Amino acid sequence: WVDREELIDVVTGLSGSGPAYFFAMVEHLIESGISLGLT
């Protein structure tokens, strides 16, 4: 629970959209591994 409505937008930026940040990180880790020789 947040005590100010504008903090819901912060929750959006942190955890609402957050899964995509991790997916992007893994996406780039995969490409880095491939560029260095892994399948």
Full PDB file with SEQRES, HELIX, SHEET, SSBOND, CRYST1, ORIGX, SCALE, CONECT and MASTER records, all heavy atoms in Angstrom:
SEQRES   1 A   39  TRP VAL ASP ARG GLU GLU LEU ILE ASP VAL VAL THR GLY          
SEQRES   2 A   39  LEU SER GLY SER GLY PRO ALA TYR PHE PHE ALA MET VAL          
SEQRES   3 A   39  GLU HIS LEU ILE GLU SER GLY ILE SER LEU GLY LEU THR          
HELIX    1 AA1 GLU A    6  VAL A   11  1                                   6    
HELIX    2 AA2 THR A   12  GLY A   16  3                                   5    
HELIX    3 AA3 GLY A   18  SER A   35  1                                  18    
CRYST1    1.000    1.000    1.000  90.00  90.00  90.00 P 1           1          
ORIGX1      1.000000  0.000000  0.000000        0.00000                         
ORIGX2      0.000000  1.000000  0.000000        0.00000                         
ORIGX3      0.000000  0.000000  1.000000        0.00000                         
SCALE1      1.000000  0.000000  0.000000        0.00000                         
SCALE2      0.000000  1.000000  0.000000        0.00000                         
SCALE3      0.000000  0.000000  1.000000        0.00000                         
ATOM      1  N   TRP A   1       0.846  -1.187   0.000  1.00  0.00           N  
ATOM      2  CA  TRP A   1       0.000   0.000   0.000  1.00  0.00           C  
ATOM      3  C   TRP A   1       0.882   1.238   0.000  1.00  0.00           C  
ATOM      4  O   TRP A   1       1.825   1.324   0.789  1.00  0.00           O  
ATOM      5  CB  TRP A   1      -0.908   0.025   1.222  1.00  0.00           C  
ATOM      6  CG  TRP A   1      -2.012  -0.985   1.169  1.00  0.00           C  
ATOM      7  CD1 TRP A   1      -2.010  -2.242   1.707  1.00  0.00           C  
ATOM      8  CD2 TRP A   1      -3.285  -0.826   0.540  1.00  0.00           C  
ATOM      9  NE1 TRP A   1      -3.205  -2.877   1.450  1.00  0.00           N  
ATOM     10  CE2 TRP A   1      -4.007  -2.033   0.733  1.00  0.00           C  
ATOM     11  CE3 TRP A   1      -3.892   0.216  -0.173  1.00  0.00           C  
ATOM     12  CZ2 TRP A   1      -5.302  -2.216   0.248  1.00  0.00           C  
ATOM     13  CZ3 TRP A   1      -5.180   0.036  -0.655  1.00  0.00           C  
ATOM     14  CH2 TRP A   1      -5.866  -1.175  -0.437  1.00  0.00           C  
ATOM     15  N   VAL A   2       0.596   2.186  -0.870  1.00  0.00           N  
ATOM     16  CA  VAL A   2       1.325   3.456  -0.870  1.00  0.00           C  
ATOM     17  C   VAL A   2       0.397   4.549  -0.337  1.00  0.00           C  
ATOM     18  O   VAL A   2      -0.830   4.447  -0.439  1.00  0.00           O  
ATOM     19  CB  VAL A   2       1.847   3.817  -2.275  1.00  0.00           C  
ATOM     20  CG1 VAL A   2       2.873   2.794  -2.736  1.00  0.00           C  
ATOM     21  CG2 VAL A   2       0.709   3.914  -3.299  1.00  0.00           C  
ATOM     22  N   ASP A   3       0.990   5.591   0.248  1.00  0.00           N  
ATOM     23  CA  ASP A   3       0.168   6.602   0.930  1.00  0.00           C  
ATOM     24  C   ASP A   3      -0.059   7.861   0.103  1.00  0.00           C  
ATOM     25  O   ASP A   3      -0.724   8.795   0.555  1.00  0.00           O  
ATOM     26  CB  ASP A   3       0.770   6.965   2.289  1.00  0.00           C  
ATOM     27  CG  ASP A   3       2.199   7.479   2.193  1.00  0.00           C  
ATOM     28  OD1 ASP A   3       2.677   7.716   1.060  1.00  0.00           O  
ATOM     29  OD2 ASP A   3       2.833   7.653   3.246  1.00  0.00           O  
ATOM     30  N   ARG A   4       0.488   7.905  -1.121  1.00  0.00           N  
ATOM     31  CA  ARG A   4       0.207   9.008  -2.038  1.00  0.00           C  
ATOM     32  C   ARG A   4      -0.054   8.425  -3.420  1.00  0.00           C  
ATOM     33  O   ARG A   4       0.671   7.523  -3.862  1.00  0.00           O  
ATOM     34  CB  ARG A   4       1.381   9.990  -2.112  1.00  0.00           C  
ATOM     35  CG  ARG A   4       1.770  10.599  -0.788  1.00  0.00           C  
ATOM     36  CD  ARG A   4       2.661  11.825  -0.947  1.00  0.00           C  
ATOM     37  NE  ARG A   4       3.757  11.650  -1.874  1.00  0.00           N  
ATOM     38  CZ  ARG A   4       4.926  11.082  -1.567  1.00  0.00           C  
ATOM     39  NH1 ARG A   4       5.138  10.619  -0.340  1.00  0.00           N  
ATOM     40  NH2 ARG A   4       5.877  10.992  -2.477  1.00  0.00           N  
ATOM     41  N   GLU A   5      -1.058   8.972  -4.094  1.00  0.00           N  
ATOM     42  CA  GLU A   5      -1.458   8.373  -5.369  1.00  0.00           C  
ATOM     43  C   GLU A   5      -0.345   8.408  -6.408  1.00  0.00           C  
ATOM     44  O   GLU A   5      -0.196   7.466  -7.201  1.00  0.00           O  
ATOM     45  CB  GLU A   5      -2.708   9.055  -5.922  1.00  0.00           C  
ATOM     46  CG  GLU A   5      -3.233   8.387  -7.185  1.00  0.00           C  
ATOM     47  CD  GLU A   5      -4.565   8.918  -7.651  1.00  0.00           C  
ATOM     48  OE1 GLU A   5      -5.030   9.947  -7.111  1.00  0.00           O  
ATOM     49  OE2 GLU A   5      -5.152   8.309  -8.561  1.00  0.00           O  
ATOM     50  N   GLU A   6       0.457   9.469  -6.411  1.00  0.00           N  
ATOM     51  CA  GLU A   6       1.502   9.554  -7.422  1.00  0.00           C  
ATOM     52  C   GLU A   6       2.525   8.416  -7.309  1.00  0.00           C  
ATOM     53  O   GLU A   6       3.236   8.104  -8.271  1.00  0.00           O  
ATOM     54  CB  GLU A   6       2.220  10.914  -7.358  1.00  0.00           C  
ATOM     55  CG  GLU A   6       2.908  11.221  -6.040  1.00  0.00           C  
ATOM     56  CD  GLU A   6       2.044  12.025  -5.080  1.00  0.00           C  
ATOM     57  OE1 GLU A   6       0.800  11.897  -5.143  1.00  0.00           O  
ATOM     58  OE2 GLU A   6       2.617  12.778  -4.258  1.00  0.00           O  
ATOM     59  N   LEU A   7       2.579   7.800  -6.121  1.00  0.00           N  
ATOM     60  CA  LEU A   7       3.512   6.682  -5.944  1.00  0.00           C  
ATOM     61  C   LEU A   7       3.077   5.430  -6.714  1.00  0.00           C  
ATOM     62  O   LEU A   7       3.896   4.540  -6.948  1.00  0.00           O  
ATOM     63  CB  LEU A   7       3.684   6.364  -4.457  1.00  0.00           C  
ATOM     64  CG  LEU A   7       4.400   7.442  -3.638  1.00  0.00           C  
ATOM     65  CD1 LEU A   7       4.478   7.046  -2.172  1.00  0.00           C  
ATOM     66  CD2 LEU A   7       5.790   7.728  -4.195  1.00  0.00           C  
ATOM     67  N   ILE A   8       1.813   5.370  -7.112  1.00  0.00           N  
ATOM     68  CA  ILE A   8       1.381   4.257  -7.961  1.00  0.00           C  
ATOM     69  C   ILE A   8       2.133   4.307  -9.298  1.00  0.00           C  
ATOM     70  O   ILE A   8       2.478   3.275  -9.882  1.00  0.00           O  
ATOM     71  CB  ILE A   8      -0.143   4.287  -8.187  1.00  0.00           C  
ATOM     72  CG1 ILE A   8      -0.859   3.738  -6.950  1.00  0.00           C  
ATOM     73  CG2 ILE A   8      -0.557   3.457  -9.407  1.00  0.00           C  
ATOM     74  CD1 ILE A   8      -0.706   2.229  -6.729  1.00  0.00           C  
ATOM     75  N   ASP A   9       2.423   5.526  -9.785  1.00  0.00           N  
ATOM     76  CA  ASP A   9       3.207   5.641 -11.016  1.00  0.00           C  
ATOM     77  C   ASP A   9       4.640   5.159 -10.800  1.00  0.00           C  
ATOM     78  O   ASP A   9       5.250   4.586 -11.712  1.00  0.00           O  
ATOM     79  CB  ASP A   9       3.213   7.099 -11.503  1.00  0.00           C  
ATOM     80  CG  ASP A   9       1.842   7.562 -11.962  1.00  0.00           C  
ATOM     81  OD1 ASP A   9       1.099   6.740 -12.528  1.00  0.00           O  
ATOM     82  OD2 ASP A   9       1.509   8.747 -11.735  1.00  0.00           O  
ATOM     83  N   VAL A  10       5.172   5.362  -9.591  1.00  0.00           N  
ATOM     84  CA  VAL A  10       6.505   4.853  -9.276  1.00  0.00           C  
ATOM     85  C   VAL A  10       6.482   3.324  -9.218  1.00  0.00           C  
ATOM     86  O   VAL A  10       7.405   2.660  -9.717  1.00  0.00           O  
ATOM     87  CB  VAL A  10       7.021   5.443  -7.946  1.00  0.00           C  
ATOM     88  CG1 VAL A  10       8.422   4.907  -7.635  1.00  0.00           C  
ATOM     89  CG2 VAL A  10       7.030   6.958  -7.993  1.00  0.00           C  
ATOM     90  N   VAL A  11       5.439   2.774  -8.621  1.00  0.00           N  
ATOM     91  CA  VAL A  11       5.275   1.309  -8.611  1.00  0.00           C  
ATOM     92  C   VAL A  11       5.224   0.786 -10.048  1.00  0.00           C  
ATOM     93  O   VAL A  11       5.818  -0.251 -10.378  1.00  0.00           O  
ATOM     94  CB  VAL A  11       3.996   0.901  -7.848  1.00  0.00           C  
ATOM     95  CG1 VAL A  11       3.728  -0.597  -8.002  1.00  0.00           C  
ATOM     96  CG2 VAL A  11       4.124   1.253  -6.366  1.00  0.00           C  
ATOM     97  N   THR A  12       4.525   1.524 -10.917  1.00  0.00           N  
ATOM     98  CA  THR A  12       4.470   1.148 -12.328  1.00  0.00           C  
ATOM     99  C   THR A  12       5.863   1.089 -12.928  1.00  0.00           C  
ATOM    100  O   THR A  12       6.226   0.128 -13.617  1.00  0.00           O  
ATOM    101  CB  THR A  12       3.612   2.150 -13.126  1.00  0.00           C  
ATOM    102  OG1 THR A  12       2.294   2.177 -12.582  1.00  0.00           O  
ATOM    103  CG2 THR A  12       3.551   1.784 -14.594  1.00  0.00           C  
ATOM    104  N   GLY A  13       6.666   2.117 -12.657  1.00  0.00           N  
ATOM    105  CA  GLY A  13       8.011   2.181 -13.205  1.00  0.00           C  
ATOM    106  C   GLY A  13       8.953   1.148 -12.630  1.00  0.00           C  
ATOM    107  O   GLY A  13       9.876   0.685 -13.319  1.00  0.00           O  
ATOM    108  N   LEU A  14       8.741   0.769 -11.367  1.00  0.00           N  
ATOM    109  CA  LEU A  14       9.631  -0.190 -10.704  1.00  0.00           C  
ATOM    110  C   LEU A  14       9.215  -1.640 -10.950  1.00  0.00           C  
ATOM    111  O   LEU A  14       9.954  -2.421 -11.562  1.00  0.00           O  
ATOM    112  CB  LEU A  14       9.671   0.091  -9.200  1.00  0.00           C  
ATOM    113  CG  LEU A  14      10.526  -0.855  -8.356  1.00  0.00           C  
ATOM    114  CD1 LEU A  14      11.980  -0.797  -8.772  1.00  0.00           C  
ATOM    115  CD2 LEU A  14      10.385  -0.530  -6.875  1.00  0.00           C  
ATOM    116  N   SER A  15       8.019  -2.002 -10.488  1.00  0.00           N  
ATOM    117  CA  SER A  15       7.619  -3.407 -10.563  1.00  0.00           C  
ATOM    118  C   SER A  15       6.611  -3.713 -11.666  1.00  0.00           C  
ATOM    119  O   SER A  15       6.568  -4.827 -12.174  1.00  0.00           O  
ATOM    120  CB  SER A  15       7.056  -3.876  -9.223  1.00  0.00           C  
ATOM    121  OG  SER A  15       5.946  -3.094  -8.825  1.00  0.00           O  
ATOM    122  N   GLY A  16       5.777  -2.699 -12.036  1.00  0.00           N  
ATOM    123  CA  GLY A  16       4.823  -2.950 -13.103  1.00  0.00           C  
ATOM    124  C   GLY A  16       5.521  -3.234 -14.416  1.00  0.00           C  
ATOM    125  O   GLY A  16       5.241  -4.224 -15.101  1.00  0.00           O  
ATOM    126  N   SER A  17       6.464  -2.371 -14.772  1.00  0.00           N  
ATOM    127  CA  SER A  17       7.256  -2.560 -15.989  1.00  0.00           C  
ATOM    128  C   SER A  17       8.519  -3.376 -15.732  1.00  0.00           C  
ATOM    129  O   SER A  17       9.168  -3.827 -16.684  1.00  0.00           O  
ATOM    130  CB  SER A  17       7.660  -1.188 -16.557  1.00  0.00           C  
ATOM    131  OG  SER A  17       6.522  -0.418 -16.889  1.00  0.00           O  
ATOM    132  N   GLY A  18       8.860  -3.576 -14.465  1.00  0.00           N  
ATOM    133  CA  GLY A  18      10.119  -4.207 -14.083  1.00  0.00           C  
ATOM    134  C   GLY A  18      10.427  -5.542 -14.726  1.00  0.00           C  
ATOM    135  O   GLY A  18      11.582  -5.794 -15.108  1.00  0.00           O  
ATOM    136  N   PRO A  19       9.443  -6.467 -14.873  1.00  0.00           N  
ATOM    137  CA  PRO A  19       9.781  -7.744 -15.510  1.00  0.00           C  
ATOM    138  C   PRO A  19      10.437  -7.587 -16.875  1.00  0.00           C  
ATOM    139  O   PRO A  19      11.348  -8.345 -17.230  1.00  0.00           O  
ATOM    140  CB  PRO A  19       8.415  -8.435 -15.616  1.00  0.00           C  
ATOM    141  CG  PRO A  19       7.660  -7.919 -14.439  1.00  0.00           C  
ATOM    142  CD  PRO A  19       8.070  -6.464 -14.342  1.00  0.00           C  
ATOM    143  N   ALA A  20      10.002  -6.579 -17.650  1.00  0.00           N  
ATOM    144  CA  ALA A  20      10.593  -6.370 -18.975  1.00  0.00           C  
ATOM    145  C   ALA A  20      12.062  -5.999 -18.880  1.00  0.00           C  
ATOM    146  O   ALA A  20      12.854  -6.326 -19.780  1.00  0.00           O  
ATOM    147  CB  ALA A  20       9.827  -5.287 -19.734  1.00  0.00           C  
ATOM    148  N   TYR A  21      12.464  -5.324 -17.791  1.00  0.00           N  
ATOM    149  CA  TYR A  21      13.869  -4.962 -17.639  1.00  0.00           C  
ATOM    150  C   TYR A  21      14.722  -6.227 -17.491  1.00  0.00           C  
ATOM    151  O   TYR A  21      15.819  -6.317 -18.059  1.00  0.00           O  
ATOM    152  CB  TYR A  21      14.085  -4.065 -16.417  1.00  0.00           C  
ATOM    153  CG  TYR A  21      13.146  -2.890 -16.275  1.00  0.00           C  
ATOM    154  CD1 TYR A  21      12.918  -2.312 -15.024  1.00  0.00           C  
ATOM    155  CD2 TYR A  21      12.462  -2.348 -17.364  1.00  0.00           C  
ATOM    156  CE1 TYR A  21      12.065  -1.224 -14.865  1.00  0.00           C  
ATOM    157  CE2 TYR A  21      11.601  -1.274 -17.205  1.00  0.00           C  
ATOM    158  CZ  TYR A  21      11.403  -0.718 -15.959  1.00  0.00           C  
ATOM    159  OH  TYR A  21      10.542   0.343 -15.798  1.00  0.00           O  
ATOM    160  N   PHE A  22      14.208  -7.167 -16.722  1.00  0.00           N  
ATOM    161  CA  PHE A  22      14.937  -8.426 -16.535  1.00  0.00           C  
ATOM    162  C   PHE A  22      14.961  -9.240 -17.824  1.00  0.00           C  
ATOM    163  O   PHE A  22      15.976  -9.845 -18.166  1.00  0.00           O  
ATOM    164  CB  PHE A  22      14.323  -9.224 -15.385  1.00  0.00           C  
ATOM    165  CG  PHE A  22      14.641  -8.670 -14.036  1.00  0.00           C  
ATOM    166  CD1 PHE A  22      13.832  -7.715 -13.451  1.00  0.00           C  
ATOM    167  CD2 PHE A  22      15.786  -9.063 -13.356  1.00  0.00           C  
ATOM    168  CE1 PHE A  22      14.135  -7.173 -12.218  1.00  0.00           C  
ATOM    169  CE2 PHE A  22      16.107  -8.538 -12.121  1.00  0.00           C  
ATOM    170  CZ  PHE A  22      15.279  -7.587 -11.548  1.00  0.00           C  
ATOM    171  N   PHE A  23      13.837  -9.246 -18.540  1.00  0.00           N  
ATOM    172  CA  PHE A  23      13.804  -9.970 -19.812  1.00  0.00           C  
ATOM    173  C   PHE A  23      14.827  -9.375 -20.786  1.00  0.00           C  
ATOM    174  O   PHE A  23      15.517 -10.107 -21.506  1.00  0.00           O  
ATOM    175  CB  PHE A  23      12.407  -9.920 -20.428  1.00  0.00           C  
ATOM    176  CG  PHE A  23      11.330 -10.524 -19.567  1.00  0.00           C  
ATOM    177  CD1 PHE A  23      10.024 -10.060 -19.647  1.00  0.00           C  
ATOM    178  CD2 PHE A  23      11.607 -11.557 -18.683  1.00  0.00           C  
ATOM    179  CE1 PHE A  23       9.022 -10.609 -18.858  1.00  0.00           C  
ATOM    180  CE2 PHE A  23      10.617 -12.115 -17.876  1.00  0.00           C  
ATOM    181  CZ  PHE A  23       9.317 -11.642 -17.978  1.00  0.00           C  
ATOM    182  N   ALA A  24      14.923  -8.051 -20.813  1.00  0.00           N  
ATOM    183  CA  ALA A  24      15.883  -7.391 -21.699  1.00  0.00           C  
ATOM    184  C   ALA A  24      17.317  -7.743 -21.298  1.00  0.00           C  
ATOM    185  O   ALA A  24      18.179  -7.992 -22.157  1.00  0.00           O  
ATOM    186  CB  ALA A  24      15.682  -5.879 -21.671  1.00  0.00           C  
ATOM    187  N   MET A  25      17.573  -7.776 -19.991  1.00  0.00           N  
ATOM    188  CA  MET A  25      18.917  -8.125 -19.514  1.00  0.00           C  
ATOM    189  C   MET A  25      19.289  -9.539 -19.953  1.00  0.00           C  
ATOM    190  O   MET A  25      20.392  -9.785 -20.461  1.00  0.00           O  
ATOM    191  CB  MET A  25      18.949  -8.018 -17.984  1.00  0.00           C  
ATOM    192  CG  MET A  25      20.293  -8.341 -17.361  1.00  0.00           C  
ATOM    193  SD  MET A  25      21.551  -7.105 -17.761  1.00  0.00           S  
ATOM    194  CE  MET A  25      22.941  -7.712 -16.798  1.00  0.00           C  
ATOM    195  N   VAL A  26      18.356 -10.479 -19.786  1.00  0.00           N  
ATOM    196  CA  VAL A  26      18.625 -11.864 -20.180  1.00  0.00           C  
ATOM    197  C   VAL A  26      18.799 -11.959 -21.691  1.00  0.00           C  
ATOM    198  O   VAL A  26      19.672 -12.680 -22.195  1.00  0.00           O  
ATOM    199  CB  VAL A  26      17.498 -12.793 -19.686  1.00  0.00           C  
ATOM    200  CG1 VAL A  26      17.657 -14.195 -20.261  1.00  0.00           C  
ATOM    201  CG2 VAL A  26      17.502 -12.854 -18.163  1.00  0.00           C  
ATOM    202  N   GLU A  27      17.980 -11.210 -22.422  1.00  0.00           N  
ATOM    203  CA  GLU A  27      18.098 -11.175 -23.883  1.00  0.00           C  
ATOM    204  C   GLU A  27      19.515 -10.789 -24.300  1.00  0.00           C  
ATOM    205  O   GLU A  27      20.125 -11.416 -25.182  1.00  0.00           O  
ATOM    206  CB  GLU A  27      17.076 -10.176 -24.423  1.00  0.00           C  
ATOM    207  CG  GLU A  27      17.036 -10.029 -25.919  1.00  0.00           C  
ATOM    208  CD  GLU A  27      16.038  -8.965 -26.361  1.00  0.00           C  
ATOM    209  OE1 GLU A  27      15.352  -8.379 -25.493  1.00  0.00           O  
ATOM    210  OE2 GLU A  27      15.977  -8.707 -27.570  1.00  0.00           O  
ATOM    211  N   HIS A  28      20.058  -9.750 -23.649  1.00  0.00           N  
ATOM    212  CA  HIS A  28      21.393  -9.278 -24.010  1.00  0.00           C  
ATOM    213  C   HIS A  28      22.489 -10.209 -23.497  1.00  0.00           C  
ATOM    214  O   HIS A  28      23.539 -10.342 -24.156  1.00  0.00           O  
ATOM    215  CB  HIS A  28      21.592  -7.854 -23.500  1.00  0.00           C  
ATOM    216  CG  HIS A  28      20.713  -6.855 -24.191  1.00  0.00           C  
ATOM    217  ND1 HIS A  28      20.649  -6.739 -25.555  1.00  0.00           N  
ATOM    218  CD2 HIS A  28      19.839  -5.946 -23.701  1.00  0.00           C  
ATOM    219  CE1 HIS A  28      19.785  -5.794 -25.886  1.00  0.00           C  
ATOM    220  NE2 HIS A  28      19.273  -5.303 -24.773  1.00  0.00           N  
ATOM    221  N   LEU A  29      22.273 -10.847 -22.355  1.00  0.00           N  
ATOM    222  CA  LEU A  29      23.232 -11.856 -21.893  1.00  0.00           C  
ATOM    223  C   LEU A  29      23.345 -12.990 -22.900  1.00  0.00           C  
ATOM    224  O   LEU A  29      24.448 -13.478 -23.203  1.00  0.00           O  
ATOM    225  CB  LEU A  29      22.799 -12.416 -20.535  1.00  0.00           C  
ATOM    226  CG  LEU A  29      23.047 -11.560 -19.298  1.00  0.00           C  
ATOM    227  CD1 LEU A  29      22.389 -12.196 -18.077  1.00  0.00           C  
ATOM    228  CD2 LEU A  29      24.549 -11.374 -19.052  1.00  0.00           C  
ATOM    229  N   ILE A  30      22.210 -13.415 -23.429  1.00  0.00           N  
ATOM    230  CA  ILE A  30      22.201 -14.496 -24.421  1.00  0.00           C  
ATOM    231  C   ILE A  30      22.999 -14.086 -25.658  1.00  0.00           C  
ATOM    232  O   ILE A  30      23.857 -14.840 -26.151  1.00  0.00           O  
ATOM    233  CB  ILE A  30      20.750 -14.865 -24.801  1.00  0.00           C  
ATOM    234  CG1 ILE A  30      20.061 -15.559 -23.623  1.00  0.00           C  
ATOM    235  CG2 ILE A  30      20.727 -15.779 -26.036  1.00  0.00           C  
ATOM    236  CD1 ILE A  30      18.556 -15.709 -23.796  1.00  0.00           C  
ATOM    237  N   GLU A  31      22.724 -12.873 -26.156  1.00  0.00           N  
ATOM    238  CA  GLU A  31      23.423 -12.413 -27.361  1.00  0.00           C  
ATOM    239  C   GLU A  31      24.919 -12.271 -27.106  1.00  0.00           C  
ATOM    240  O   GLU A  31      25.736 -12.563 -27.996  1.00  0.00           O  
ATOM    241  CB  GLU A  31      22.823 -11.088 -27.829  1.00  0.00           C  
ATOM    242  CG  GLU A  31      21.390 -11.188 -28.322  1.00  0.00           C  
ATOM    243  CD  GLU A  31      21.219 -12.203 -29.448  1.00  0.00           C  
ATOM    244  OE1 GLU A  31      22.124 -12.291 -30.313  1.00  0.00           O  
ATOM    245  OE2 GLU A  31      20.193 -12.905 -29.463  1.00  0.00           O  
ATOM    246  N   SER A  32      25.295 -11.839 -25.901  1.00  0.00           N  
ATOM    247  CA  SER A  32      26.718 -11.728 -25.569  1.00  0.00           C  
ATOM    248  C   SER A  32      27.380 -13.100 -25.583  1.00  0.00           C  
ATOM    249  O   SER A  32      28.494 -13.262 -26.108  1.00  0.00           O  
ATOM    250  CB  SER A  32      26.896 -11.080 -24.195  1.00  0.00           C  
ATOM    251  OG  SER A  32      26.450  -9.747 -24.205  1.00  0.00           O  
ATOM    252  N   GLY A  33      26.699 -14.088 -24.980  1.00  0.00           N  
ATOM    253  CA  GLY A  33      27.243 -15.445 -24.974  1.00  0.00           C  
ATOM    254  C   GLY A  33      27.426 -16.000 -26.371  1.00  0.00           C  
ATOM    255  O   GLY A  33      28.438 -16.657 -26.676  1.00  0.00           O  
ATOM    256  N   ILE A  34      26.453 -15.723 -27.236  1.00  0.00           N  
ATOM    257  CA  ILE A  34      26.529 -16.206 -28.623  1.00  0.00           C  
ATOM    258  C   ILE A  34      27.701 -15.556 -29.350  1.00  0.00           C  
ATOM    259  O   ILE A  34      28.467 -16.225 -30.060  1.00  0.00           O  
ATOM    260  CB  ILE A  34      25.200 -15.918 -29.361  1.00  0.00           C  
ATOM    261  CG1 ILE A  34      24.075 -16.771 -28.784  1.00  0.00           C  
ATOM    262  CG2 ILE A  34      25.347 -16.174 -30.864  1.00  0.00           C  
ATOM    263  CD1 ILE A  34      22.695 -16.362 -29.263  1.00  0.00           C  
ATOM    264  N   SER A  35      27.852 -14.232 -29.140  1.00  0.00           N  
ATOM    265  CA  SER A  35      28.934 -13.518 -29.843  1.00  0.00           C  
ATOM    266  C   SER A  35      30.309 -14.011 -29.415  1.00  0.00           C  
ATOM    267  O   SER A  35      31.293 -13.868 -30.158  1.00  0.00           O  
ATOM    268  CB  SER A  35      28.822 -12.016 -29.592  1.00  0.00           C  
ATOM    269  OG  SER A  35      29.164 -11.690 -28.250  1.00  0.00           O  
ATOM    270  N   LEU A  36      30.383 -14.612 -28.221  1.00  0.00           N  
ATOM    271  CA  LEU A  36      31.666 -15.114 -27.711  1.00  0.00           C  
ATOM    272  C   LEU A  36      31.847 -16.614 -27.936  1.00  0.00           C  
ATOM    273  O   LEU A  36      32.817 -17.197 -27.451  1.00  0.00           O  
ATOM    274  CB  LEU A  36      31.789 -14.778 -26.223  1.00  0.00           C  
ATOM    275  CG  LEU A  36      31.918 -13.284 -25.906  1.00  0.00           C  
ATOM    276  CD1 LEU A  36      31.774 -13.020 -24.419  1.00  0.00           C  
ATOM    277  CD2 LEU A  36      33.244 -12.735 -26.423  1.00  0.00           C  
ATOM    278  N   GLY A  37      30.901 -17.243 -28.667  1.00  0.00           N  
ATOM    279  CA  GLY A  37      31.129 -18.617 -29.090  1.00  0.00           C  
ATOM    280  C   GLY A  37      30.143 -19.675 -28.642  1.00  0.00           C  
ATOM    281  O   GLY A  37      30.163 -20.801 -29.136  1.00  0.00           O  
ATOM    282  N   LEU A  38      29.265 -19.368 -27.673  1.00  0.00           N  
ATOM    283  CA  LEU A  38      28.277 -20.350 -27.250  1.00  0.00           C  
ATOM    284  C   LEU A  38      27.184 -20.499 -28.309  1.00  0.00           C  
ATOM    285  O   LEU A  38      26.931 -19.580 -29.094  1.00  0.00           O  
ATOM    286  CB  LEU A  38      27.630 -19.938 -25.925  1.00  0.00           C  
ATOM    287  CG  LEU A  38      28.525 -19.922 -24.688  1.00  0.00           C  
ATOM    288  CD1 LEU A  38      27.756 -19.331 -23.508  1.00  0.00           C  
ATOM    289  CD2 LEU A  38      29.024 -21.320 -24.340  1.00  0.00           C  
ATOM    290  N   THR A  39      26.533 -21.648 -28.329  1.00  0.00           N  
ATOM    291  CA  THR A  39      25.365 -21.788 -29.194  1.00  0.00           C  
ATOM    292  C   THR A  39      24.195 -21.025 -28.563  1.00  0.00           C  
ATOM    293  O   THR A  39      24.199 -20.735 -27.363  1.00  0.00           O  
ATOM    294  CB  THR A  39      24.945 -23.256 -29.370  1.00  0.00           C  
ATOM    295  OG1 THR A  39      24.461 -23.749 -28.109  1.00  0.00           O  
ATOM    296  CG2 THR A  39      26.110 -24.117 -29.852  1.00  0.00           C  
TER     297      THR A  39                                                      
MASTER        0    0    0    3    0    0    0    6  296    1    0    3          
END                                                                             
